[in-house]
């Protein structure tokens, strides 16, 4: 990608991307939300994916 993009100004991923869209700490807040939802809905998520467990 070197030469095709200005990596400092045109390509943002993960924390840099989300903090750019929102504000500082947006990425960490999203991770915290996903963790809380995952814990709260763990059994429902496990039940859903158990349907596809073909062991």
C-alpha atoms as a PDB file:
ATOM      1  CA  UNK A   1       0.000   0.000   0.000  1.00  0.00           C
ATOM      2  CA  UNK A   2       3.000   2.227   0.400  1.00  0.00           C
ATOM      3  CA  UNK A   3       2.857   4.837  -2.310  1.00  0.00           C
ATOM      4  CA  UNK A   4      -0.847   4.270  -2.974  1.00  0.00           C
ATOM      5  CA  UNK A   5      -2.187   5.760   0.255  1.00  0.00           C
ATOM      6  CA  UNK A   6      -1.055   8.373   2.694  1.00  0.00           C
ATOM      7  CA  UNK A   7      -1.044   5.926   5.616  1.00  0.00           C
ATOM      8  CA  UNK A   8      -0.943   8.679   8.228  1.00  0.00           C
ATOM      9  CA  UNK A   9      -4.008  10.472   6.874  1.00  0.00           C
ATOM     10  CA  UNK A  10      -6.012   8.051   4.718  1.00  0.00           C
ATOM     11  CA  UNK A  11      -5.994   4.701   6.494  1.00  0.00           C
ATOM     12  CA  UNK A  12      -7.363   4.233   9.978  1.00  0.00           C
ATOM     13  CA  UNK A  13      -8.181   0.897  11.622  1.00  0.00           C
ATOM     14  CA  UNK A  14      -9.403  -0.327  14.990  1.00  0.00           C
ATOM     15  CA  UNK A  15      -8.884   2.171  17.803  1.00  0.00           C
ATOM     16  CA  UNK A  16      -7.683   4.953  15.534  1.00  0.00           C
ATOM     17  CA  UNK A  17     -10.717   4.513  13.238  1.00  0.00           C
ATOM     18  CA  UNK A  18     -13.369   4.466  15.975  1.00  0.00           C
ATOM     19  CA  UNK A  19     -11.806   7.291  17.953  1.00  0.00           C
ATOM     20  CA  UNK A  20     -11.689   9.333  14.726  1.00  0.00           C
ATOM     21  CA  UNK A  21     -15.406   8.699  14.071  1.00  0.00           C
ATOM     22  CA  UNK A  22     -16.482   9.355  17.640  1.00  0.00           C
ATOM     23  CA  UNK A  23     -14.087  10.871  20.059  1.00  0.00           C
ATOM     24  CA  UNK A  24     -11.246   9.761  22.277  1.00  0.00           C
ATOM     25  CA  UNK A  25     -12.106   6.516  24.107  1.00  0.00           C
ATOM     26  CA  UNK A  26     -14.874   5.526  21.629  1.00  0.00           C
ATOM     27  CA  UNK A  27     -13.054   2.300  20.745  1.00  0.00           C
ATOM     28  CA  UNK A  28     -12.662   1.299  24.397  1.00  0.00           C
ATOM     29  CA  UNK A  29     -16.315   2.091  25.060  1.00  0.00           C
ATOM     30  CA  UNK A  30     -17.341  -0.159  22.157  1.00  0.00           C
ATOM     31  CA  UNK A  31     -15.188  -2.999  23.488  1.00  0.00           C
ATOM     32  CA  UNK A  32     -16.753  -2.595  26.931  1.00  0.00           C
ATOM     33  CA  UNK A  33     -20.270  -2.660  25.461  1.00  0.00           C
ATOM     34  CA  UNK A  34     -19.562  -5.815  23.438  1.00  0.00           C
ATOM     35  CA  UNK A  35     -18.125  -7.480  26.525  1.00  0.00           C
ATOM     36  CA  UNK A  36     -21.158  -6.612  28.688  1.00  0.00           C
ATOM     37  CA  UNK A  37     -23.630  -7.744  26.032  1.00  0.00           C
ATOM     38  CA  UNK A  38     -21.651 -10.943  25.487  1.00  0.00           C
ATOM     39  CA  UNK A  39     -21.726 -11.739  29.197  1.00  0.00           C
ATOM     40  CA  UNK A  40     -25.422 -10.900  29.500  1.00  0.00           C
ATOM     41  CA  UNK A  41     -26.450 -12.929  26.450  1.00  0.00           C
ATOM     42  CA  UNK A  42     -23.863 -15.704  26.776  1.00  0.00           C
ATOM     43  CA  UNK A  43     -26.341 -18.548  27.143  1.00  0.00           C
ATOM     44  CA  UNK A  44     -28.491 -17.335  24.260  1.00  0.00           C
ATOM     45  CA  UNK A  45     -25.409 -16.975  22.050  1.00  0.00           C
ATOM     46  CA  UNK A  46     -24.159 -20.440  23.037  1.00  0.00           C
ATOM     47  CA  UNK A  47     -27.568 -21.973  22.334  1.00  0.00           C
ATOM     48  CA  UNK A  48     -27.698 -20.338  18.914  1.00  0.00           C
ATOM     49  CA  UNK A  49     -24.256 -21.562  17.854  1.00  0.00           C
ATOM     50  CA  UNK A  50     -24.832 -25.028  19.337  1.00  0.00           C
ATOM     51  CA  UNK A  51     -27.226 -25.649  16.436  1.00  0.00           C
ATOM     52  CA  UNK A  52     -24.245 -25.477  14.101  1.00  0.00           C
ATOM     53  CA  UNK A  53     -21.835 -27.568  16.136  1.00  0.00           C
ATOM     54  CA  UNK A  54     -21.284 -30.590  13.916  1.00  0.00           C
ATOM     55  CA  UNK A  55     -18.749 -32.485  16.011  1.00  0.00           C
END
